[in-house]
Amino acid sequence: MSDSINLSLGRQVVKTEIKKSLLISVVLLSAVVLFTLILVGTNYIFTSRYDKLVADEAELQARIETQSAKKAKLLLLHERLSTASSIITARKNLNEKFAEVLAAAPDTLTVKSSAVAANLINMGFESSDLAALNEFLNALYSLEKDKSQITKVKVNSFGFNETVANYVMDVDFNF
């Protein structure tokens, strides 16, 4: 009888299903930990790059602000140069217009003043001979009627200067 009774527990058989589920859970846990580490690492890398990009953006914004002030100054300079260029090209025409007006003036007539606006020239004349002033006015009105460069002649003032004994006249010419 003692032979038929086995009091030893012997080896216990661990079920293979439990081993498989334990192995799968360890692999899944390792995969989740690895995936988490990868996410944390990329987040750290991208965060540091993002901070650098924000700093670069702020620096570029500051540089753009300084450049915009320069741009405004350059645009103003361009406008001034364009205006100066148009004045210089118009000045040649003004010289021709002055020459046209002075060509009609007799020798006894003296130019005392002149002022130039956009399409207007104001000139002050003086002469001791009233006939010379009359001849000059008639020549100017004939230039106006001939539709030369002068479109309008306007006598602003006409009188006699007793201190120098001369006749004075102030005339506007429109072109």
N, C-alpha and C. Protein backbone atom coordinates (compact mmCIF):
# COMPACT_ATOMS: atom_id res chain seq x y z
N MET A 1 0.76 -1.16 0.00
CA MET A 1 0.00 0.00 0.00
C MET A 1 0.83 1.26 0.00
N SER A 2 1.83 1.19 0.57
CA SER A 2 2.67 2.36 0.59
C SER A 2 3.17 2.67 -0.81
N ASP A 3 3.14 1.71 -1.63
CA ASP A 3 3.59 1.99 -2.99
C ASP A 3 2.53 2.74 -3.77
N SER A 4 1.33 2.58 -3.50
CA SER A 4 0.28 3.21 -4.28
C SER A 4 -0.05 4.62 -3.81
N ILE A 5 0.44 4.98 -2.68
CA ILE A 5 0.16 6.32 -2.17
C ILE A 5 1.36 7.19 -2.51
N ASN A 6 1.06 8.28 -3.19
CA ASN A 6 2.10 9.24 -3.58
C ASN A 6 1.84 10.53 -2.85
N LEU A 7 2.63 10.77 -1.85
CA LEU A 7 2.44 11.95 -1.04
C LEU A 7 3.18 13.18 -1.59
N SER A 8 4.02 13.05 -2.53
CA SER A 8 4.75 14.21 -3.07
C SER A 8 3.88 14.98 -4.06
N LEU A 9 4.02 16.23 -3.97
CA LEU A 9 3.23 17.06 -4.86
C LEU A 9 3.77 16.96 -6.29
N GLY A 10 5.00 16.86 -6.42
CA GLY A 10 5.62 16.73 -7.72
C GLY A 10 5.65 18.08 -8.44
N ARG A 11 5.82 17.99 -9.65
CA ARG A 11 5.89 19.25 -10.43
C ARG A 11 4.51 19.72 -10.79
N GLN A 12 4.29 20.99 -10.60
CA GLN A 12 3.02 21.56 -11.00
C GLN A 12 3.15 22.07 -12.43
N VAL A 13 2.20 21.82 -13.19
CA VAL A 13 2.22 22.23 -14.59
C VAL A 13 1.56 23.61 -14.67
N VAL A 14 2.33 24.65 -15.14
CA VAL A 14 1.80 26.01 -15.32
C VAL A 14 1.17 26.02 -16.68
N LYS A 15 0.03 26.51 -16.69
CA LYS A 15 -0.70 26.49 -17.94
C LYS A 15 -0.02 27.41 -18.94
N THR A 16 0.06 26.98 -20.16
CA THR A 16 0.71 27.76 -21.22
C THR A 16 -0.10 29.00 -21.58
N GLU A 17 -1.36 28.99 -21.33
CA GLU A 17 -2.20 30.15 -21.64
C GLU A 17 -1.85 31.31 -20.72
N ILE A 18 -1.55 31.01 -19.49
CA ILE A 18 -1.18 32.06 -18.54
C ILE A 18 0.18 32.62 -18.93
N LYS A 19 1.08 31.77 -19.35
CA LYS A 19 2.40 32.22 -19.78
C LYS A 19 2.28 33.13 -20.99
N LYS A 20 1.45 32.76 -21.92
CA LYS A 20 1.27 33.56 -23.13
C LYS A 20 0.69 34.95 -22.79
N SER A 21 -0.32 34.94 -21.91
CA SER A 21 -0.93 36.22 -21.56
C SER A 21 0.05 37.10 -20.79
N LEU A 22 0.88 36.52 -19.96
CA LEU A 22 1.91 37.29 -19.24
C LEU A 22 2.93 37.84 -20.22
N LEU A 23 3.36 37.06 -21.15
CA LEU A 23 4.33 37.50 -22.15
C LEU A 23 3.74 38.62 -23.01
N ILE A 24 2.50 38.47 -23.42
CA ILE A 24 1.85 39.50 -24.24
C ILE A 24 1.72 40.80 -23.45
N SER A 25 1.34 40.73 -22.17
CA SER A 25 1.19 41.94 -21.36
C SER A 25 2.54 42.63 -21.16
N VAL A 26 3.62 41.87 -20.97
CA VAL A 26 4.95 42.46 -20.82
C VAL A 26 5.37 43.13 -22.12
N VAL A 27 5.12 42.50 -23.24
CA VAL A 27 5.48 43.08 -24.55
C VAL A 27 4.66 44.35 -24.80
N LEU A 28 3.37 44.31 -24.50
CA LEU A 28 2.54 45.49 -24.68
C LEU A 28 2.98 46.64 -23.77
N LEU A 29 3.29 46.30 -22.51
CA LEU A 29 3.77 47.32 -21.59
C LEU A 29 5.07 47.92 -22.10
N SER A 30 5.96 47.10 -22.61
CA SER A 30 7.23 47.59 -23.16
C SER A 30 6.98 48.48 -24.37
N ALA A 31 6.05 48.09 -25.23
CA ALA A 31 5.73 48.88 -26.41
C ALA A 31 5.13 50.22 -26.02
N VAL A 32 4.23 50.23 -25.03
CA VAL A 32 3.62 51.49 -24.57
C VAL A 32 4.67 52.39 -23.96
N VAL A 33 5.58 51.82 -23.14
CA VAL A 33 6.65 52.61 -22.52
C VAL A 33 7.57 53.17 -23.60
N LEU A 34 7.93 52.37 -24.60
CA LEU A 34 8.78 52.82 -25.68
C LEU A 34 8.09 53.93 -26.50
N PHE A 35 6.81 53.73 -26.79
CA PHE A 35 6.04 54.73 -27.53
C PHE A 35 5.95 56.04 -26.74
N THR A 36 5.76 55.95 -25.44
CA THR A 36 5.70 57.13 -24.56
C THR A 36 7.03 57.86 -24.55
N LEU A 37 8.12 57.10 -24.45
CA LEU A 37 9.45 57.72 -24.47
C LEU A 37 9.71 58.43 -25.81
N ILE A 38 9.28 57.82 -26.90
CA ILE A 38 9.45 58.44 -28.21
C ILE A 38 8.63 59.74 -28.28
N LEU A 39 7.39 59.71 -27.81
CA LEU A 39 6.54 60.91 -27.81
C LEU A 39 7.13 62.02 -26.94
N VAL A 40 7.60 61.65 -25.76
CA VAL A 40 8.21 62.65 -24.86
C VAL A 40 9.46 63.25 -25.49
N GLY A 41 10.28 62.42 -26.13
CA GLY A 41 11.51 62.91 -26.78
C GLY A 41 11.20 63.85 -27.93
N THR A 42 10.24 63.46 -28.79
CA THR A 42 9.89 64.34 -29.92
C THR A 42 9.24 65.62 -29.42
N ASN A 43 8.43 65.52 -28.36
CA ASN A 43 7.83 66.73 -27.79
C ASN A 43 8.91 67.66 -27.29
N TYR A 44 9.92 67.14 -26.62
CA TYR A 44 11.02 67.95 -26.12
C TYR A 44 11.77 68.61 -27.28
N ILE A 45 12.05 67.82 -28.31
CA ILE A 45 12.78 68.36 -29.47
C ILE A 45 11.96 69.46 -30.15
N PHE A 46 10.67 69.18 -30.40
CA PHE A 46 9.84 70.16 -31.09
C PHE A 46 9.60 71.40 -30.23
N THR A 47 9.48 71.21 -28.93
CA THR A 47 9.29 72.36 -28.04
C THR A 47 10.51 73.26 -28.07
N SER A 48 11.69 72.68 -28.04
CA SER A 48 12.90 73.51 -28.10
C SER A 48 13.02 74.20 -29.45
N ARG A 49 12.66 73.51 -30.52
CA ARG A 49 12.68 74.14 -31.85
C ARG A 49 11.62 75.23 -31.94
N TYR A 50 10.47 75.00 -31.37
CA TYR A 50 9.38 75.99 -31.39
C TYR A 50 9.80 77.25 -30.63
N ASP A 51 10.44 77.06 -29.48
CA ASP A 51 10.90 78.21 -28.71
C ASP A 51 11.94 79.00 -29.51
N LYS A 52 12.81 78.28 -30.21
CA LYS A 52 13.80 78.95 -31.05
C LYS A 52 13.11 79.69 -32.19
N LEU A 53 12.09 79.08 -32.78
CA LEU A 53 11.35 79.74 -33.86
C LEU A 53 10.63 80.99 -33.37
N VAL A 54 10.08 80.94 -32.18
CA VAL A 54 9.40 82.11 -31.61
C VAL A 54 10.41 83.24 -31.39
N ALA A 55 11.59 82.89 -30.89
CA ALA A 55 12.63 83.90 -30.68
C ALA A 55 13.07 84.49 -32.03
N ASP A 56 13.25 83.63 -33.03
CA ASP A 56 13.63 84.10 -34.37
C ASP A 56 12.55 84.99 -34.96
N GLU A 57 11.29 84.62 -34.74
CA GLU A 57 10.18 85.42 -35.25
C GLU A 57 10.18 86.82 -34.62
N ALA A 58 10.40 86.88 -33.32
CA ALA A 58 10.44 88.18 -32.64
C ALA A 58 11.59 89.02 -33.18
N GLU A 59 12.73 88.40 -33.43
CA GLU A 59 13.88 89.12 -33.98
C GLU A 59 13.58 89.63 -35.38
N LEU A 60 12.96 88.79 -36.20
CA LEU A 60 12.62 89.20 -37.57
C LEU A 60 11.57 90.30 -37.57
N GLN A 61 10.62 90.22 -36.65
CA GLN A 61 9.61 91.29 -36.55
C GLN A 61 10.28 92.62 -36.23
N ALA A 62 11.25 92.59 -35.33
CA ALA A 62 11.98 93.82 -34.99
C ALA A 62 12.76 94.34 -36.19
N ARG A 63 13.38 93.45 -36.94
CA ARG A 63 14.13 93.87 -38.13
C ARG A 63 13.19 94.42 -39.19
N ILE A 64 12.01 93.81 -39.33
CA ILE A 64 11.04 94.30 -40.31
C ILE A 64 10.56 95.69 -39.92
N GLU A 65 10.36 95.91 -38.63
CA GLU A 65 9.92 97.23 -38.17
C GLU A 65 10.96 98.29 -38.53
N THR A 66 12.25 97.97 -38.34
CA THR A 66 13.28 98.94 -38.71
C THR A 66 13.32 99.12 -40.23
N GLN A 67 13.09 98.03 -40.97
CA GLN A 67 13.09 98.13 -42.42
C GLN A 67 11.88 98.92 -42.92
N SER A 68 10.75 98.83 -42.23
CA SER A 68 9.57 99.57 -42.68
C SER A 68 9.80 101.07 -42.52
N ALA A 69 10.52 101.47 -41.49
CA ALA A 69 10.86 102.89 -41.35
C ALA A 69 11.76 103.33 -42.50
N LYS A 70 12.71 102.47 -42.84
CA LYS A 70 13.58 102.78 -43.98
C LYS A 70 12.78 102.81 -45.28
N LYS A 71 11.83 101.90 -45.40
CA LYS A 71 11.00 101.86 -46.61
C LYS A 71 10.21 103.16 -46.73
N ALA A 72 9.66 103.63 -45.63
CA ALA A 72 8.89 104.88 -45.66
C ALA A 72 9.79 106.04 -46.06
N LYS A 73 11.00 106.05 -45.53
CA LYS A 73 11.94 107.12 -45.89
C LYS A 73 12.32 107.02 -47.36
N LEU A 74 12.52 105.79 -47.85
CA LEU A 74 12.87 105.63 -49.26
C LEU A 74 11.72 106.04 -50.17
N LEU A 75 10.49 105.73 -49.78
CA LEU A 75 9.34 106.15 -50.58
C LEU A 75 9.22 107.68 -50.60
N LEU A 76 9.47 108.31 -49.46
CA LEU A 76 9.44 109.76 -49.40
C LEU A 76 10.54 110.36 -50.27
N LEU A 77 11.73 109.75 -50.21
CA LEU A 77 12.84 110.22 -51.04
C LEU A 77 12.52 110.05 -52.52
N HIS A 78 11.90 108.92 -52.86
CA HIS A 78 11.53 108.67 -54.26
C HIS A 78 10.53 109.73 -54.73
N GLU A 79 9.55 110.04 -53.88
CA GLU A 79 8.55 111.05 -54.24
C GLU A 79 9.21 112.41 -54.43
N ARG A 80 10.13 112.75 -53.53
CA ARG A 80 10.82 114.04 -53.65
C ARG A 80 11.67 114.10 -54.91
N LEU A 81 12.35 112.99 -55.22
CA LEU A 81 13.17 112.96 -56.43
C LEU A 81 12.31 113.05 -57.68
N SER A 82 11.16 112.41 -57.66
CA SER A 82 10.24 112.50 -58.80
C SER A 82 9.75 113.93 -58.98
N THR A 83 9.42 114.58 -57.88
CA THR A 83 8.98 115.97 -57.94
C THR A 83 10.11 116.87 -58.46
N ALA A 84 11.31 116.65 -57.95
CA ALA A 84 12.45 117.45 -58.41
C ALA A 84 12.71 117.21 -59.90
N SER A 85 12.58 115.97 -60.32
CA SER A 85 12.77 115.65 -61.74
C SER A 85 11.74 116.35 -62.61
N SER A 86 10.48 116.34 -62.16
CA SER A 86 9.44 117.02 -62.95
C SER A 86 9.68 118.53 -62.97
N ILE A 87 10.17 119.08 -61.87
CA ILE A 87 10.47 120.52 -61.85
C ILE A 87 11.62 120.83 -62.79
N ILE A 88 12.61 119.98 -62.80
CA ILE A 88 13.76 120.22 -63.68
C ILE A 88 13.36 120.14 -65.15
N THR A 89 12.51 119.16 -65.48
CA THR A 89 12.05 119.08 -66.88
C THR A 89 11.17 120.27 -67.23
N ALA A 90 10.37 120.75 -66.26
CA ALA A 90 9.52 121.91 -66.53
C ALA A 90 10.35 123.19 -66.57
N ARG A 91 11.47 123.21 -65.89
CA ARG A 91 12.30 124.42 -65.85
C ARG A 91 12.79 124.78 -67.25
N LYS A 92 13.11 123.79 -68.05
CA LYS A 92 13.54 124.08 -69.41
C LYS A 92 12.42 124.82 -70.15
N ASN A 93 11.21 124.37 -69.97
CA ASN A 93 10.08 125.04 -70.59
C ASN A 93 9.92 126.46 -70.05
N LEU A 94 10.17 126.65 -68.74
CA LEU A 94 10.07 127.98 -68.17
C LEU A 94 11.12 128.91 -68.77
N ASN A 95 12.31 128.38 -69.03
CA ASN A 95 13.33 129.21 -69.68
C ASN A 95 12.87 129.64 -71.06
N GLU A 96 12.25 128.72 -71.78
CA GLU A 96 11.71 129.08 -73.10
C GLU A 96 10.60 130.10 -72.97
N LYS A 97 9.77 129.94 -71.95
CA LYS A 97 8.66 130.88 -71.75
C LYS A 97 9.17 132.25 -71.36
N PHE A 98 10.17 132.30 -70.47
CA PHE A 98 10.79 133.58 -70.12
C PHE A 98 11.38 134.23 -71.37
N ALA A 99 12.05 133.42 -72.17
CA ALA A 99 12.66 133.96 -73.38
C ALA A 99 11.60 134.51 -74.32
N GLU A 100 10.47 133.83 -74.44
CA GLU A 100 9.38 134.29 -75.30
C GLU A 100 8.83 135.62 -74.80
N VAL A 101 8.65 135.74 -73.47
CA VAL A 101 8.13 136.99 -72.91
C VAL A 101 9.13 138.11 -73.09
N LEU A 102 10.39 137.83 -72.80
CA LEU A 102 11.42 138.88 -72.87
C LEU A 102 11.74 139.26 -74.31
N ALA A 103 11.48 138.36 -75.25
CA ALA A 103 11.72 138.70 -76.66
C ALA A 103 10.75 139.78 -77.12
N ALA A 104 9.59 139.83 -76.50
CA ALA A 104 8.59 140.85 -76.87
C ALA A 104 8.86 142.18 -76.18
N ALA A 105 9.77 142.20 -75.21
CA ALA A 105 10.03 143.42 -74.43
C ALA A 105 10.98 144.35 -75.19
N PRO A 106 10.65 145.66 -75.24
CA PRO A 106 11.58 146.63 -75.84
C PRO A 106 12.81 146.83 -74.95
N ASP A 107 13.82 147.47 -75.52
CA ASP A 107 15.09 147.65 -74.80
C ASP A 107 14.97 148.58 -73.60
N THR A 108 14.02 149.49 -73.63
CA THR A 108 13.89 150.44 -72.52
C THR A 108 13.15 149.86 -71.33
N LEU A 109 12.68 148.65 -71.43
CA LEU A 109 11.93 147.98 -70.37
C LEU A 109 12.90 147.21 -69.47
N THR A 110 12.72 147.34 -68.15
CA THR A 110 13.58 146.65 -67.19
C THR A 110 12.72 145.69 -66.36
N VAL A 111 13.22 144.46 -66.18
CA VAL A 111 12.54 143.48 -65.33
C VAL A 111 13.01 143.71 -63.90
N LYS A 112 12.07 144.01 -63.01
CA LYS A 112 12.41 144.28 -61.61
C LYS A 112 12.18 143.08 -60.70
N SER A 113 11.21 142.20 -61.05
CA SER A 113 10.94 141.04 -60.21
C SER A 113 10.33 139.93 -61.06
N SER A 114 10.47 138.72 -60.55
CA SER A 114 9.83 137.58 -61.22
C SER A 114 9.58 136.50 -60.17
N ALA A 115 8.46 135.81 -60.35
CA ALA A 115 8.10 134.70 -59.47
C ALA A 115 7.45 133.63 -60.33
N VAL A 116 7.72 132.37 -60.00
CA VAL A 116 7.23 131.26 -60.81
C VAL A 116 6.38 130.35 -59.95
N ALA A 117 5.20 129.99 -60.46
CA ALA A 117 4.36 128.97 -59.84
C ALA A 117 4.20 127.85 -60.87
N ALA A 118 3.26 126.96 -60.67
CA ALA A 118 3.12 125.78 -61.54
C ALA A 118 2.96 126.18 -63.00
N ASN A 119 1.94 126.90 -63.35
CA ASN A 119 1.71 127.32 -64.74
C ASN A 119 1.61 128.83 -64.83
N LEU A 120 2.21 129.55 -63.89
CA LEU A 120 2.06 130.99 -63.81
C LEU A 120 3.42 131.62 -63.56
N ILE A 121 3.67 132.69 -64.30
CA ILE A 121 4.87 133.49 -64.06
C ILE A 121 4.40 134.91 -63.77
N ASN A 122 4.88 135.47 -62.67
CA ASN A 122 4.58 136.85 -62.32
C ASN A 122 5.85 137.65 -62.51
N MET A 123 5.75 138.74 -63.26
CA MET A 123 6.93 139.58 -63.52
C MET A 123 6.57 141.03 -63.27
N GLY A 124 7.53 141.76 -62.71
CA GLY A 124 7.39 143.19 -62.50
C GLY A 124 8.30 143.92 -63.47
N PHE A 125 7.76 144.90 -64.18
CA PHE A 125 8.51 145.66 -65.19
C PHE A 125 8.54 147.12 -64.80
N GLU A 126 9.57 147.82 -65.32
CA GLU A 126 9.73 149.25 -65.07
C GLU A 126 10.31 149.88 -66.32
N SER A 127 9.81 151.07 -66.63
CA SER A 127 10.33 151.79 -67.79
C SER A 127 10.05 153.27 -67.62
N SER A 128 10.94 154.07 -68.18
CA SER A 128 10.72 155.52 -68.14
C SER A 128 9.86 155.96 -69.31
N ASP A 129 9.66 155.07 -70.28
CA ASP A 129 8.88 155.39 -71.47
C ASP A 129 7.54 154.66 -71.43
N LEU A 130 6.46 155.41 -71.36
CA LEU A 130 5.13 154.83 -71.32
C LEU A 130 4.79 154.12 -72.62
N ALA A 131 5.28 154.61 -73.71
CA ALA A 131 5.02 154.00 -75.02
C ALA A 131 5.66 152.61 -75.09
N ALA A 132 6.82 152.45 -74.44
CA ALA A 132 7.48 151.13 -74.44
C ALA A 132 6.63 150.12 -73.68
N LEU A 133 6.04 150.54 -72.57
CA LEU A 133 5.16 149.63 -71.82
C LEU A 133 3.93 149.27 -72.64
N ASN A 134 3.37 150.25 -73.34
CA ASN A 134 2.21 150.01 -74.18
C ASN A 134 2.55 149.04 -75.31
N GLU A 135 3.71 149.27 -75.94
CA GLU A 135 4.16 148.38 -77.02
C GLU A 135 4.35 146.95 -76.50
N PHE A 136 4.91 146.84 -75.31
CA PHE A 136 5.13 145.52 -74.71
C PHE A 136 3.80 144.83 -74.42
N LEU A 137 2.84 145.56 -73.84
CA LEU A 137 1.52 144.97 -73.55
C LEU A 137 0.83 144.51 -74.83
N ASN A 138 0.91 145.32 -75.88
CA ASN A 138 0.30 144.93 -77.15
C ASN A 138 0.96 143.67 -77.70
N ALA A 139 2.26 143.56 -77.56
CA ALA A 139 2.97 142.35 -78.03
C ALA A 139 2.54 141.13 -77.22
N LEU A 140 2.37 141.31 -75.90
CA LEU A 140 1.93 140.19 -75.06
C LEU A 140 0.52 139.74 -75.43
N TYR A 141 -0.38 140.70 -75.65
CA TYR A 141 -1.75 140.33 -76.02
C TYR A 141 -1.79 139.66 -77.39
N SER A 142 -0.91 140.07 -78.29
CA SER A 142 -0.88 139.40 -79.60
C SER A 142 -0.34 137.97 -79.45
N LEU A 143 0.61 137.76 -78.53
CA LEU A 143 1.10 136.39 -78.26
C LEU A 143 -0.03 135.54 -77.68
N GLU A 144 -0.84 136.13 -76.82
CA GLU A 144 -1.95 135.41 -76.23
C GLU A 144 -2.98 135.04 -77.30
N LYS A 145 -3.25 135.95 -78.23
CA LYS A 145 -4.23 135.68 -79.28
C LYS A 145 -3.70 134.68 -80.30
N ASP A 146 -2.39 134.63 -80.50
CA ASP A 146 -1.79 133.69 -81.45
C ASP A 146 -1.74 132.27 -80.89
N LYS A 147 -2.18 132.12 -79.66
CA LYS A 147 -2.20 130.81 -78.99
C LYS A 147 -0.80 130.18 -78.95
N SER A 148 0.16 131.03 -78.66
CA SER A 148 1.50 130.48 -78.44
C SER A 148 1.51 129.84 -77.06
N GLN A 149 2.61 129.82 -76.40
CA GLN A 149 2.67 129.18 -75.09
C GLN A 149 1.91 129.97 -74.03
N ILE A 150 1.71 131.24 -74.24
CA ILE A 150 0.99 132.07 -73.28
C ILE A 150 -0.51 131.91 -73.51
N THR A 151 -1.23 131.51 -72.46
CA THR A 151 -2.68 131.33 -72.61
C THR A 151 -3.46 132.51 -72.03
N LYS A 152 -2.86 133.26 -71.09
CA LYS A 152 -3.57 134.38 -70.47
C LYS A 152 -2.55 135.40 -69.97
N VAL A 153 -2.85 136.66 -70.21
CA VAL A 153 -2.03 137.76 -69.72
C VAL A 153 -2.93 138.60 -68.83
N LYS A 154 -2.46 138.88 -67.61
CA LYS A 154 -3.26 139.67 -66.67
C LYS A 154 -2.36 140.73 -66.06
N VAL A 155 -2.77 141.98 -66.21
CA VAL A 155 -2.03 143.09 -65.60
C VAL A 155 -2.57 143.27 -64.19
N ASN A 156 -1.71 143.01 -63.20
CA ASN A 156 -2.12 143.12 -61.80
C ASN A 156 -2.09 144.57 -61.32
N SER A 157 -1.05 145.29 -61.71
CA SER A 157 -0.96 146.69 -61.28
C SER A 157 -0.22 147.48 -62.35
N PHE A 158 -0.55 148.75 -62.39
CA PHE A 158 0.09 149.66 -63.33
C PHE A 158 0.12 151.02 -62.65
N GLY A 159 1.27 151.66 -62.67
CA GLY A 159 1.34 152.96 -62.01
C GLY A 159 2.63 153.69 -62.31
N PHE A 160 2.80 154.76 -61.58
CA PHE A 160 3.98 155.61 -61.75
C PHE A 160 4.70 155.69 -60.42
N ASN A 161 5.99 155.41 -60.44
CA ASN A 161 6.83 155.47 -59.25
C ASN A 161 7.51 156.84 -59.25
N GLU A 162 7.08 157.71 -58.34
CA GLU A 162 7.58 159.08 -58.34
C GLU A 162 9.01 159.18 -57.85
N THR A 163 9.46 158.23 -57.03
CA THR A 163 10.82 158.33 -56.47
C THR A 163 11.87 158.14 -57.55
N VAL A 164 11.61 157.29 -58.54
CA VAL A 164 12.58 157.06 -59.62
C VAL A 164 12.07 157.58 -60.95
N ALA A 165 10.87 158.14 -60.96
CA ALA A 165 10.25 158.71 -62.16
C ALA A 165 10.13 157.66 -63.27
N ASN A 166 9.62 156.51 -62.93
CA ASN A 166 9.42 155.44 -63.90
C ASN A 166 8.00 154.91 -63.78
N TYR A 167 7.54 154.34 -64.89
CA TYR A 167 6.26 153.64 -64.88
C TYR A 167 6.52 152.19 -64.48
N VAL A 168 5.66 151.64 -63.62
CA VAL A 168 5.83 150.26 -63.16
C VAL A 168 4.58 149.46 -63.49
N MET A 169 4.81 148.18 -63.77
CA MET A 169 3.71 147.30 -64.16
C MET A 169 4.02 145.90 -63.60
N ASP A 170 2.98 145.26 -63.06
CA ASP A 170 3.09 143.89 -62.55
C ASP A 170 2.14 143.02 -63.38
N VAL A 171 2.68 141.96 -64.02
CA VAL A 171 1.92 141.18 -64.99
C VAL A 171 2.02 139.68 -64.64
N ASP A 172 0.87 138.95 -64.76
CA ASP A 172 0.85 137.50 -64.63
C ASP A 172 0.71 136.88 -66.01
N PHE A 173 1.48 135.81 -66.26
CA PHE A 173 1.40 135.06 -67.51
C PHE A 173 1.02 133.63 -67.18
N ASN A 174 -0.07 133.16 -67.76
CA ASN A 174 -0.46 131.76 -67.59
C ASN A 174 0.01 130.98 -68.81
N PHE A 175 0.45 129.76 -68.56
CA PHE A 175 0.94 128.90 -69.65
C PHE A 175 0.15 127.62 -69.68
